[in-house]
Amino acid sequence: MNLRQLEILRAVIRHRTTVAAADELALSQPAVSNALKTMEAQAGFALFERVNNRLFPTAEAMALYKESEAIFALHAKLENRLRDLRENRSGHLAIVATPPLAYSIIPSALSGFLRRRPETRVFFDVRRYEGIIEGVLSRVAELGFALGLTHHPGIAHEVVHTGEMVCVVPPQHPLADRPVISASDLSGLPFIGLERGTRLGEAVRDSFARAGAAFRPTVEVRYCNTACVLAAAGVGAAVVDPFSPRQNGGSGLVVRPFTPTTQAVAYMLWSEAEPLSRLAKAFLNEVRKESTLLERTAPHQQHGAERD
């Protein structure tokens, strides 16, 4: 299966019809249909199920879709680099980050960075932790940003921010007036938990265990920003990283320090295989500045005197 066939496959999966896929790719509808038939013949299995004039990808097609993401990310990077060379632009920087950092500290750092470098082009992608590691190791991105880190050969890192998990509740919540919210306080109340097996999810479970409090989430989610949205809607309280509540101005959430203290450490990552570019070093300096500003307004610092 060649790159053009994969491109057609991905377009049909996104749009569910050959007509829409053809429009996106500037092809005729028959050309897309014939390409699908050829791909299925080459693969030896069906790629789509046809229901009411719509195409639904099979599990095998979705597997190909996911496996091809790295190929197209690398292809996009090569095309961007070619454009930079052709147009004599000053530079290109590729960044990947997990959602908590991608929607909090990175945008502010990126704004200041680009304001002083208007000719610089940036590729910025939001991924899960595993995608950050893959992106840095494969050189799809020069810099990666993630919460938590295990040892990975070939990856250098620096701590950009050391914070603590916080508890978020809507203003009308019975615990909203408390200066600090503990795991024991949350027992018996509607609670939004983070998914088991994730770094932050396991850290929160460990905190409840240390406090001797039962961990019984009403709703379980993968991402902290999802937990914040649900908490703002009144679904329950949530314990999240210190970055996520800052998205969209906090969305009316009350943010309180959480005990037992549970660290949330943000890392900057890059490949050890080659030195960082001047652009990457400049961006890291912008991120360090934003981290310093964040430390001044962190909820656990505001209430530190009450806990000492």
C-alpha atoms as a PDB file:
ATOM      1  CA  MET A   1       0.000   0.000   0.000  1.00  0.00           C
ATOM      2  CA  ASN A   2       1.581   3.258  -1.108  1.00  0.00           C
ATOM      3  CA  LEU A   3       1.384   6.715   0.474  1.00  0.00           C
ATOM      4  CA  ARG A   4      -1.346   7.930  -1.899  1.00  0.00           C
ATOM      5  CA  GLN A   5      -3.516   4.922  -1.089  1.00  0.00           C
ATOM      6  CA  LEU A   6      -3.052   5.533   2.627  1.00  0.00           C
ATOM      7  CA  GLU A   7      -4.035   9.161   2.092  1.00  0.00           C
ATOM      8  CA  ILE A   8      -7.256   8.066   0.376  1.00  0.00           C
ATOM      9  CA  LEU A   9      -7.974   5.524   3.112  1.00  0.00           C
ATOM     10  CA  ARG A  10      -7.536   8.154   5.840  1.00  0.00           C
ATOM     11  CA  ALA A  11      -9.773  10.655   4.021  1.00  0.00           C
ATOM     12  CA  VAL A  12     -12.588   8.104   3.637  1.00  0.00           C
ATOM     13  CA  ILE A  13     -12.308   7.142   7.311  1.00  0.00           C
ATOM     14  CA  ARG A  14     -12.601  10.801   8.310  1.00  0.00           C
ATOM     15  CA  HIS A  15     -15.536  11.633   6.036  1.00  0.00           C
ATOM     16  CA  ARG A  16     -17.335   8.252   5.796  1.00  0.00           C
ATOM     17  CA  THR A  17     -18.202   8.875   2.133  1.00  0.00           C
ATOM     18  CA  THR A  18     -16.199   8.655  -1.076  1.00  0.00           C
ATOM     19  CA  VAL A  19     -17.732  11.908  -2.331  1.00  0.00           C
ATOM     20  CA  ALA A  20     -16.457  13.983   0.599  1.00  0.00           C
ATOM     21  CA  ALA A  21     -13.086  12.237   0.519  1.00  0.00           C
ATOM     22  CA  ALA A  22     -12.806  12.968  -3.208  1.00  0.00           C
ATOM     23  CA  ASP A  23     -13.569  16.654  -2.607  1.00  0.00           C
ATOM     24  CA  GLU A  24     -10.840  16.891   0.035  1.00  0.00           C
ATOM     25  CA  LEU A  25      -8.250  15.197  -2.175  1.00  0.00           C
ATOM     26  CA  ALA A  26      -9.295  16.924  -5.427  1.00  0.00           C
ATOM     27  CA  LEU A  27     -10.069  13.577  -7.035  1.00  0.00           C
ATOM     28  CA  SER A  28     -13.132  12.191  -8.760  1.00  0.00           C
ATOM     29  CA  GLN A  29     -15.500   9.992  -6.762  1.00  0.00           C
ATOM     30  CA  PRO A  30     -14.936   7.014  -9.093  1.00  0.00           C
ATOM     31  CA  ALA A  31     -11.176   7.364  -8.592  1.00  0.00           C
ATOM     32  CA  VAL A  32     -11.618   7.096  -4.823  1.00  0.00           C
ATOM     33  CA  SER A  33     -13.996   4.137  -5.127  1.00  0.00           C
ATOM     34  CA  ASN A  34     -11.603   2.316  -7.458  1.00  0.00           C
ATOM     35  CA  ALA A  35      -8.709   3.012  -5.106  1.00  0.00           C
ATOM     36  CA  LEU A  36     -10.649   1.442  -2.216  1.00  0.00           C
ATOM     37  CA  LYS A  37     -11.391  -1.665  -4.292  1.00  0.00           C
ATOM     38  CA  THR A  38      -7.716  -1.960  -5.206  1.00  0.00           C
ATOM     39  CA  MET A  39      -6.623  -1.571  -1.585  1.00  0.00           C
ATOM     40  CA  GLU A  40      -9.068  -4.214  -0.375  1.00  0.00           C
ATOM     41  CA  ALA A  41      -7.906  -6.580  -3.124  1.00  0.00           C
ATOM     42  CA  GLN A  42      -4.268  -6.004  -2.180  1.00  0.00           C
ATOM     43  CA  ALA A  43      -4.941  -6.343   1.545  1.00  0.00           C
ATOM     44  CA  GLY A  44      -7.065  -9.461   1.202  1.00  0.00           C
ATOM     45  CA  PHE A  45      -9.729  -8.243   3.613  1.00  0.00           C
ATOM     46  CA  ALA A  46     -12.515  -5.656   3.785  1.00  0.00           C
ATOM     47  CA  LEU A  47     -11.603  -2.147   4.884  1.00  0.00           C
ATOM     48  CA  PHE A  48     -15.128  -0.749   5.146  1.00  0.00           C
ATOM     49  CA  GLU A  49     -18.668  -1.872   5.827  1.00  0.00           C
ATOM     50  CA  ARG A  50     -21.277  -0.102   3.716  1.00  0.00           C
ATOM     51  CA  VAL A  51     -24.430   0.931   5.615  1.00  0.00           C
ATOM     52  CA  ASN A  52     -27.028   3.360   4.208  1.00  0.00           C
ATOM     53  CA  ASN A  53     -24.642   4.873   1.668  1.00  0.00           C
ATOM     54  CA  ARG A  54     -21.994   5.491   4.317  1.00  0.00           C
ATOM     55  CA  LEU A  55     -18.699   3.722   4.822  1.00  0.00           C
ATOM     56  CA  PHE A  56     -17.757   2.501   8.297  1.00  0.00           C
ATOM     57  CA  PRO A  57     -14.128   1.431   8.766  1.00  0.00           C
ATOM     58  CA  THR A  58     -13.410  -2.093   9.950  1.00  0.00           C
ATOM     59  CA  ALA A  59     -11.094  -2.759  12.881  1.00  0.00           C
ATOM     60  CA  GLU A  60      -8.354  -3.573  10.378  1.00  0.00           C
ATOM     61  CA  ALA A  61      -8.817  -0.241   8.610  1.00  0.00           C
ATOM     62  CA  MET A  62      -8.613   1.631  11.920  1.00  0.00           C
ATOM     63  CA  ALA A  63      -5.419  -0.233  12.762  1.00  0.00           C
ATOM     64  CA  LEU A  64      -3.896   0.952   9.470  1.00  0.00           C
ATOM     65  CA  TYR A  65      -5.155   4.471  10.166  1.00  0.00           C
ATOM     66  CA  LYS A  66      -3.454   4.606  13.568  1.00  0.00           C
ATOM     67  CA  GLU A  67      -0.221   3.028  12.341  1.00  0.00           C
ATOM     68  CA  SER A  68      -0.008   5.534   9.474  1.00  0.00           C
ATOM     69  CA  GLU A  69      -0.247   8.614  11.715  1.00  0.00           C
ATOM     70  CA  ALA A  70       3.509   8.687  12.323  1.00  0.00           C
ATOM     71  CA  ILE A  71       4.155   8.372   8.572  1.00  0.00           C
ATOM     72  CA  PHE A  72       1.979  11.364   7.725  1.00  0.00           C
ATOM     73  CA  ALA A  73       3.345  13.406  10.617  1.00  0.00           C
ATOM     74  CA  LEU A  74       6.846  12.810   9.298  1.00  0.00           C
ATOM     75  CA  HIS A  75       5.716  13.549   5.741  1.00  0.00           C
ATOM     76  CA  ALA A  76       4.172  16.837   6.889  1.00  0.00           C
ATOM     77  CA  LYS A  77       7.405  17.720   8.643  1.00  0.00           C
ATOM     78  CA  LEU A  78       9.403  17.078   5.463  1.00  0.00           C
ATOM     79  CA  GLU A  79       7.005  19.187   3.394  1.00  0.00           C
ATOM     80  CA  ASN A  80       7.228  22.031   5.900  1.00  0.00           C
ATOM     81  CA  ARG A  81      11.013  21.883   5.855  1.00  0.00           C
ATOM     82  CA  LEU A  82      11.041  21.954   2.055  1.00  0.00           C
ATOM     83  CA  ARG A  83       8.761  25.012   2.104  1.00  0.00           C
ATOM     84  CA  ASP A  84      11.037  26.738   4.625  1.00  0.00           C
ATOM     85  CA  LEU A  85      14.082  26.152   2.417  1.00  0.00           C
ATOM     86  CA  ARG A  86      12.256  27.286  -0.726  1.00  0.00           C
ATOM     87  CA  GLU A  87      10.863  30.457   0.865  1.00  0.00           C
ATOM     88  CA  ASN A  88      14.063  31.218   2.793  1.00  0.00           C
ATOM     89  CA  ARG A  89      12.248  31.381   6.131  1.00  0.00           C
ATOM     90  CA  SER A  90      14.269  31.885   9.273  1.00  0.00           C
ATOM     91  CA  GLY A  91      13.500  28.562  10.897  1.00  0.00           C
ATOM     92  CA  HIS A  92      11.088  25.807  11.870  1.00  0.00           C
ATOM     93  CA  LEU A  93      10.335  24.313  15.270  1.00  0.00           C
ATOM     94  CA  ALA A  94       8.259  21.189  15.955  1.00  0.00           C
ATOM     95  CA  ILE A  95       6.680  20.715  19.385  1.00  0.00           C
ATOM     96  CA  VAL A  96       4.482  18.008  20.914  1.00  0.00           C
ATOM     97  CA  ALA A  97       2.803  18.159  24.329  1.00  0.00           C
ATOM     98  CA  THR A  98       0.302  16.306  26.472  1.00  0.00           C
ATOM     99  CA  PRO A  99      -3.072  18.087  26.927  1.00  0.00           C
ATOM    100  CA  PRO A 100      -2.475  19.664  30.382  1.00  0.00           C
ATOM    101  CA  LEU A 101       0.642  21.487  29.152  1.00  0.00           C
ATOM    102  CA  ALA A 102      -0.569  22.005  25.597  1.00  0.00           C
ATOM    103  CA  TYR A 103      -3.571  23.997  26.806  1.00  0.00           C
ATOM    104  CA  SER A 104      -1.907  25.974  29.610  1.00  0.00           C
ATOM    105  CA  ILE A 105       1.791  26.845  29.711  1.00  0.00           C
ATOM    106  CA  ILE A 106       2.696  26.216  26.041  1.00  0.00           C
ATOM    107  CA  PRO A 107       0.309  28.735  24.379  1.00  0.00           C
ATOM    108  CA  SER A 108       1.604  31.660  26.468  1.00  0.00           C
ATOM    109  CA  ALA A 109       5.210  30.660  25.854  1.00  0.00           C
ATOM    110  CA  LEU A 110       4.514  30.251  22.141  1.00  0.00           C
ATOM    111  CA  SER A 111       2.879  33.672  21.923  1.00  0.00           C
ATOM    112  CA  GLY A 112       5.907  35.455  23.345  1.00  0.00           C
ATOM    113  CA  PHE A 113       8.284  33.323  21.289  1.00  0.00           C
ATOM    114  CA  LEU A 114       6.592  34.083  17.957  1.00  0.00           C
ATOM    115  CA  ARG A 115       6.020  37.745  18.732  1.00  0.00           C
ATOM    116  CA  ARG A 116       9.801  38.188  18.621  1.00  0.00           C
ATOM    117  CA  ARG A 117      10.245  35.813  15.670  1.00  0.00           C
ATOM    118  CA  PRO A 118       7.435  36.525  13.193  1.00  0.00           C
ATOM    119  CA  GLU A 119       9.150  34.592  10.395  1.00  0.00           C
ATOM    120  CA  THR A 120       9.464  31.373  12.383  1.00  0.00           C
ATOM    121  CA  ARG A 121       7.131  28.512  11.558  1.00  0.00           C
ATOM    122  CA  VAL A 122       5.958  26.128  14.300  1.00  0.00           C
ATOM    123  CA  PHE A 123       4.413  22.670  14.172  1.00  0.00           C
ATOM    124  CA  PHE A 124       2.484  21.980  17.394  1.00  0.00           C
ATOM    125  CA  ASP A 125       0.678  18.716  18.123  1.00  0.00           C
ATOM    126  CA  VAL A 126      -1.200  17.463  21.189  1.00  0.00           C
ATOM    127  CA  ARG A 127      -0.685  13.801  22.072  1.00  0.00           C
ATOM    128  CA  ARG A 128      -0.854  11.259  24.863  1.00  0.00           C
ATOM    129  CA  TYR A 129       2.336  10.527  26.813  1.00  0.00           C
ATOM    130  CA  GLU A 130       3.300   7.597  24.569  1.00  0.00           C
ATOM    131  CA  GLY A 131       2.938   9.844  21.521  1.00  0.00           C
ATOM    132  CA  ILE A 132       5.288  12.415  23.063  1.00  0.00           C
ATOM    133  CA  ILE A 133       8.020   9.819  23.538  1.00  0.00           C
ATOM    134  CA  GLU A 134       7.518   8.453  20.026  1.00  0.00           C
ATOM    135  CA  GLY A 135       7.509  11.939  18.506  1.00  0.00           C
ATOM    136  CA  VAL A 136      10.788  12.927  20.141  1.00  0.00           C
ATOM    137  CA  LEU A 137      12.568   9.632  19.415  1.00  0.00           C
ATOM    138  CA  SER A 138      11.431   9.605  15.769  1.00  0.00           C
ATOM    139  CA  ARG A 139      12.448  13.284  15.352  1.00  0.00           C
ATOM    140  CA  VAL A 140       8.938  14.257  14.293  1.00  0.00           C
ATOM    141  CA  ALA A 141       9.277  16.855  17.052  1.00  0.00           C
ATOM    142  CA  GLU A 142      12.397  18.497  18.430  1.00  0.00           C
ATOM    143  CA  LEU A 143      10.775  19.230  21.791  1.00  0.00           C
ATOM    144  CA  GLY A 144       8.251  17.320  23.851  1.00  0.00           C
ATOM    145  CA  PHE A 145       6.396  18.348  27.007  1.00  0.00           C
ATOM    146  CA  ALA A 146       4.731  15.906  29.385  1.00  0.00           C
ATOM    147  CA  LEU A 147       3.576  15.422  32.960  1.00  0.00           C
ATOM    148  CA  GLY A 148       5.535  12.650  34.634  1.00  0.00           C
ATOM    149  CA  LEU A 149       8.407  10.734  33.101  1.00  0.00           C
ATOM    150  CA  THR A 150       9.913   7.270  33.202  1.00  0.00           C
ATOM    151  CA  HIS A 151      13.404   6.569  31.915  1.00  0.00           C
ATOM    152  CA  HIS A 152      13.689   6.315  28.156  1.00  0.00           C
ATOM    153  CA  PRO A 153      17.087   5.658  26.532  1.00  0.00           C
ATOM    154  CA  GLY A 154      18.016   8.388  24.077  1.00  0.00           C
ATOM    155  CA  ILE A 155      15.832  11.089  25.653  1.00  0.00           C
ATOM    156  CA  ALA A 156      17.209  14.022  27.628  1.00  0.00           C
ATOM    157  CA  HIS A 157      14.950  15.972  29.957  1.00  0.00           C
ATOM    158  CA  GLU A 158      14.635  18.954  32.230  1.00  0.00           C
ATOM    159  CA  VAL A 159      12.026  19.676  34.901  1.00  0.00           C
ATOM    160  CA  VAL A 160      10.114  22.738  33.794  1.00  0.00           C
ATOM    161  CA  HIS A 161       7.656  22.912  36.675  1.00  0.00           C
ATOM    162  CA  THR A 162       7.076  21.076  39.937  1.00  0.00           C
ATOM    163  CA  GLY A 163       3.547  21.517  41.192  1.00  0.00           C
ATOM    164  CA  GLU A 164       0.925  19.651  43.149  1.00  0.00           C
ATOM    165  CA  MET A 165      -2.375  18.091  42.205  1.00  0.00           C
ATOM    166  CA  VAL A 166      -5.349  20.262  43.094  1.00  0.00           C
ATOM    167  CA  CYS A 167      -9.011  19.660  43.815  1.00  0.00           C
ATOM    168  CA  VAL A 168     -11.597  21.389  41.625  1.00  0.00           C
ATOM    169  CA  VAL A 169     -15.255  21.865  42.539  1.00  0.00           C
ATOM    170  CA  PRO A 170     -18.077  24.091  41.263  1.00  0.00           C
ATOM    171  CA  PRO A 171     -18.788  27.226  43.346  1.00  0.00           C
ATOM    172  CA  GLN A 172     -21.956  25.720  44.882  1.00  0.00           C
ATOM    173  CA  HIS A 173     -20.170  22.561  46.069  1.00  0.00           C
ATOM    174  CA  PRO A 174     -20.292  21.863  49.859  1.00  0.00           C
ATOM    175  CA  LEU A 175     -16.474  21.825  49.997  1.00  0.00           C
ATOM    176  CA  ALA A 176     -15.990  25.035  48.001  1.00  0.00           C
ATOM    177  CA  ASP A 177     -15.379  27.192  51.096  1.00  0.00           C
ATOM    178  CA  ARG A 178     -12.626  24.978  52.499  1.00  0.00           C
ATOM    179  CA  PRO A 179      -9.072  26.326  52.104  1.00  0.00           C
ATOM    180  CA  VAL A 180      -7.722  22.798  51.575  1.00  0.00           C
ATOM    181  CA  ILE A 181      -9.589  19.656  50.468  1.00  0.00           C
ATOM    182  CA  SER A 182      -8.407  16.213  51.543  1.00  0.00           C
ATOM    183  CA  ALA A 183      -9.031  12.758  50.154  1.00  0.00           C
ATOM    184  CA  SER A 184     -11.081  11.989  53.257  1.00  0.00           C
ATOM    185  CA  ASP A 185     -13.273  15.057  52.604  1.00  0.00           C
ATOM    186  CA  LEU A 186     -14.197  13.596  49.219  1.00  0.00           C
ATOM    187  CA  SER A 187     -15.367  10.233  50.565  1.00  0.00           C
ATOM    188  CA  GLY A 188     -19.071   9.719  50.038  1.00  0.00           C
ATOM    189  CA  LEU A 189     -19.401  12.655  47.626  1.00  0.00           C
ATOM    190  CA  PRO A 190     -19.789  12.471  43.829  1.00  0.00           C
ATOM    191  CA  PHE A 191     -16.263  12.220  42.461  1.00  0.00           C
ATOM    192  CA  ILE A 192     -14.669  12.287  39.005  1.00  0.00           C
ATOM    193  CA  GLY A 193     -11.661   9.966  38.894  1.00  0.00           C
ATOM    194  CA  LEU A 194      -8.808   9.698  36.420  1.00  0.00           C
ATOM    195  CA  GLU A 195      -8.434   6.510  34.413  1.00  0.00           C
ATOM    196  CA  ARG A 196      -6.682   3.557  36.039  1.00  0.00           C
ATOM    197  CA  GLY A 197      -3.286   2.795  34.543  1.00  0.00           C
ATOM    198  CA  THR A 198      -2.435   6.406  33.677  1.00  0.00           C
ATOM    199  CA  ARG A 199       0.332   8.166  35.610  1.00  0.00           C
ATOM    200  CA  LEU A 200      -1.920  10.757  37.201  1.00  0.00           C
ATOM    201  CA  GLY A 201      -4.725   8.259  37.735  1.00  0.00           C
ATOM    202  CA  GLU A 202      -2.445   5.960  39.712  1.00  0.00           C
ATOM    203  CA  ALA A 203      -0.988   8.909  41.647  1.00  0.00           C
ATOM    204  CA  VAL A 204      -4.462   9.999  42.803  1.00  0.00           C
ATOM    205  CA  ARG A 205      -5.373   6.446  43.790  1.00  0.00           C
ATOM    206  CA  ASP A 206      -2.163   6.231  45.806  1.00  0.00           C
ATOM    207  CA  SER A 207      -3.037   9.502  47.576  1.00  0.00           C
ATOM    208  CA  PHE A 208      -6.418   8.142  48.621  1.00  0.00           C
ATOM    209  CA  ALA A 209      -4.746   4.951  49.834  1.00  0.00           C
ATOM    210  CA  ARG A 210      -2.216   6.939  51.890  1.00  0.00           C
ATOM    211  CA  ALA A 211      -5.082   8.847  53.477  1.00  0.00           C
ATOM    212  CA  GLY A 212      -7.008   5.645  54.182  1.00  0.00           C
ATOM    213  CA  ALA A 213      -9.900   6.987  52.103  1.00  0.00           C
ATOM    214  CA  ALA A 214     -11.987   4.864  49.753  1.00  0.00           C
ATOM    215  CA  PHE A 215     -11.541   5.680  46.075  1.00  0.00           C
ATOM    216  CA  ARG A 216     -14.975   5.298  44.469  1.00  0.00           C
ATOM    217  CA  PRO A 217     -15.358   7.573  41.434  1.00  0.00           C
ATOM    218  CA  THR A 218     -18.829   8.254  40.098  1.00  0.00           C
ATOM    219  CA  VAL A 219     -17.327   8.929  36.673  1.00  0.00           C
ATOM    220  CA  GLU A 220     -13.912   7.885  35.365  1.00  0.00           C
ATOM    221  CA  VAL A 221     -12.172   9.871  32.607  1.00  0.00           C
ATOM    222  CA  ARG A 222      -8.825   9.794  30.808  1.00  0.00           C
ATOM    223  CA  TYR A 223      -7.922  13.482  30.747  1.00  0.00           C
ATOM    224  CA  CYS A 224      -7.800  16.113  33.471  1.00  0.00           C
ATOM    225  CA  ASN A 225      -9.387  18.739  31.237  1.00  0.00           C
ATOM    226  CA  THR A 226     -12.395  16.403  30.813  1.00  0.00           C
ATOM    227  CA  ALA A 227     -12.606  16.111  34.594  1.00  0.00           C
ATOM    228  CA  CYS A 228     -12.568  19.915  34.890  1.00  0.00           C
ATOM    229  CA  VAL A 229     -15.402  20.289  32.375  1.00  0.00           C
ATOM    230  CA  LEU A 230     -17.513  17.758  34.270  1.00  0.00           C
ATOM    231  CA  ALA A 231     -16.719  19.358  37.630  1.00  0.00           C
ATOM    232  CA  ALA A 232     -17.750  22.781  36.307  1.00  0.00           C
ATOM    233  CA  ALA A 233     -21.031  21.222  35.154  1.00  0.00           C
ATOM    234  CA  GLY A 234     -21.736  20.015  38.694  1.00  0.00           C
ATOM    235  CA  VAL A 235     -21.031  16.312  38.165  1.00  0.00           C
ATOM    236  CA  GLY A 236     -18.735  16.198  41.184  1.00  0.00           C
ATOM    237  CA  ALA A 237     -15.329  17.085  42.557  1.00  0.00           C
ATOM    238  CA  ALA A 238     -12.108  16.067  40.817  1.00  0.00           C
ATOM    239  CA  VAL A 239      -8.405  15.907  41.623  1.00  0.00           C
ATOM    240  CA  VAL A 240      -6.394  17.116  38.634  1.00  0.00           C
ATOM    241  CA  ASP A 241      -3.020  18.530  37.641  1.00  0.00           C
ATOM    242  CA  PRO A 242      -2.445  22.244  38.405  1.00  0.00           C
ATOM    243  CA  PHE A 243      -2.457  23.195  34.700  1.00  0.00           C
ATOM    244  CA  SER A 244      -5.832  21.942  33.485  1.00  0.00           C
ATOM    245  CA  PRO A 245      -8.052  24.235  35.644  1.00  0.00           C
ATOM    246  CA  ARG A 246      -6.428  27.239  33.939  1.00  0.00           C
ATOM    247  CA  GLN A 247      -7.936  26.394  30.577  1.00  0.00           C
ATOM    248  CA  ASN A 248     -10.615  28.843  29.442  1.00  0.00           C
ATOM    249  CA  GLY A 249     -10.104  30.956  32.538  1.00  0.00           C
ATOM    250  CA  GLY A 250     -11.058  28.140  34.884  1.00  0.00           C
ATOM    251  CA  SER A 251     -14.670  27.939  33.616  1.00  0.00           C
ATOM    252  CA  GLY A 252     -16.064  28.980  36.993  1.00  0.00           C
ATOM    253  CA  LEU A 253     -14.203  26.306  38.951  1.00  0.00           C
ATOM    254  CA  VAL A 254     -13.058  26.684  42.541  1.00  0.00           C
ATOM    255  CA  VAL A 255      -9.476  25.386  42.790  1.00  0.00           C
ATOM    256  CA  ARG A 256      -8.142  24.238  46.150  1.00  0.00           C
ATOM    257  CA  PRO A 257      -4.935  22.541  47.344  1.00  0.00           C
ATOM    258  CA  PHE A 258      -5.343  18.771  47.761  1.00  0.00           C
ATOM    259  CA  THR A 259      -3.977  16.554  50.506  1.00  0.00           C
ATOM    260  CA  PRO A 260      -2.155  14.235  50.809  1.00  0.00           C
ATOM    261  CA  THR A 261       0.294  16.232  48.722  1.00  0.00           C
ATOM    262  CA  THR A 262       0.604  14.647  45.281  1.00  0.00           C
ATOM    263  CA  GLN A 263       3.295  15.971  42.982  1.00  0.00           C
ATOM    264  CA  ALA A 264       2.680  16.781  39.333  1.00  0.00           C
ATOM    265  CA  VAL A 265       6.012  17.331  37.598  1.00  0.00           C
ATOM    266  CA  ALA A 266       6.196  18.799  34.090  1.00  0.00           C
ATOM    267  CA  TYR A 267       9.144  17.838  31.895  1.00  0.00           C
ATOM    268  CA  MET A 268      10.721  19.174  28.714  1.00  0.00           C
ATOM    269  CA  LEU A 269      12.090  16.350  26.534  1.00  0.00           C
ATOM    270  CA  TRP A 270      14.422  16.193  23.542  1.00  0.00           C
ATOM    271  CA  SER A 271      16.543  13.645  21.727  1.00  0.00           C
ATOM    272  CA  GLU A 272      20.105  13.027  22.901  1.00  0.00           C
ATOM    273  CA  ALA A 273      21.066  12.091  19.336  1.00  0.00           C
ATOM    274  CA  GLU A 274      21.653  15.682  18.244  1.00  0.00           C
ATOM    275  CA  PRO A 275      22.110  19.107  19.876  1.00  0.00           C
ATOM    276  CA  LEU A 276      19.145  21.406  20.267  1.00  0.00           C
ATOM    277  CA  SER A 277      18.705  24.109  17.658  1.00  0.00           C
ATOM    278  CA  ARG A 278      18.943  27.760  18.617  1.00  0.00           C
ATOM    279  CA  LEU A 279      15.187  28.075  18.103  1.00  0.00           C
ATOM    280  CA  ALA A 280      14.504  25.173  20.474  1.00  0.00           C
ATOM    281  CA  LYS A 281      16.755  26.683  23.145  1.00  0.00           C
ATOM    282  CA  ALA A 282      14.995  30.032  22.788  1.00  0.00           C
ATOM    283  CA  PHE A 283      11.596  28.392  23.161  1.00  0.00           C
ATOM    284  CA  LEU A 284      12.742  26.492  26.272  1.00  0.00           C
ATOM    285  CA  ASN A 285      13.667  29.844  27.811  1.00  0.00           C
ATOM    286  CA  GLU A 286      10.134  31.110  27.121  1.00  0.00           C
ATOM    287  CA  VAL A 287       8.684  28.017  28.802  1.00  0.00           C
ATOM    288  CA  ARG A 288      10.927  28.564  31.840  1.00  0.00           C
ATOM    289  CA  LYS A 289       9.607  32.134  32.138  1.00  0.00           C
ATOM    290  CA  GLU A 290       5.999  30.916  32.010  1.00  0.00           C
ATOM    291  CA  SER A 291       6.784  28.303  34.643  1.00  0.00           C
ATOM    292  CA  THR A 292       8.087  31.014  36.980  1.00  0.00           C
ATOM    293  CA  LEU A 293       4.868  32.999  36.518  1.00  0.00           C
ATOM    294  CA  LEU A 294       2.806  29.880  37.191  1.00  0.00           C
ATOM    295  CA  GLU A 295       4.607  29.200  40.461  1.00  0.00           C
ATOM    296  CA  ARG A 296       3.638  32.639  41.752  1.00  0.00           C
ATOM    297  CA  THR A 297      -0.077  31.926  41.380  1.00  0.00           C
ATOM    298  CA  ALA A 298      -0.254  28.209  42.229  1.00  0.00           C
ATOM    299  CA  PRO A 299      -3.101  27.370  44.662  1.00  0.00           C
ATOM    300  CA  HIS A 300      -0.809  25.362  46.975  1.00  0.00           C
ATOM    301  CA  GLN A 301       1.455  28.381  47.396  1.00  0.00           C
ATOM    302  CA  GLN A 302      -1.427  30.721  48.134  1.00  0.00           C
ATOM    303  CA  HIS A 303      -2.490  28.494  51.025  1.00  0.00           C
ATOM    304  CA  GLY A 304       0.941  27.251  52.070  1.00  0.00           C
ATOM    305  CA  ALA A 305       0.905  29.234  55.328  1.00  0.00           C
ATOM    306  CA  GLU A 306      -2.351  27.598  56.405  1.00  0.00           C
ATOM    307  CA  ARG A 307      -0.839  24.141  56.050  1.00  0.00           C
ATOM    308  CA  ASP A 308       2.487  24.809  57.810  1.00  0.00           C
END
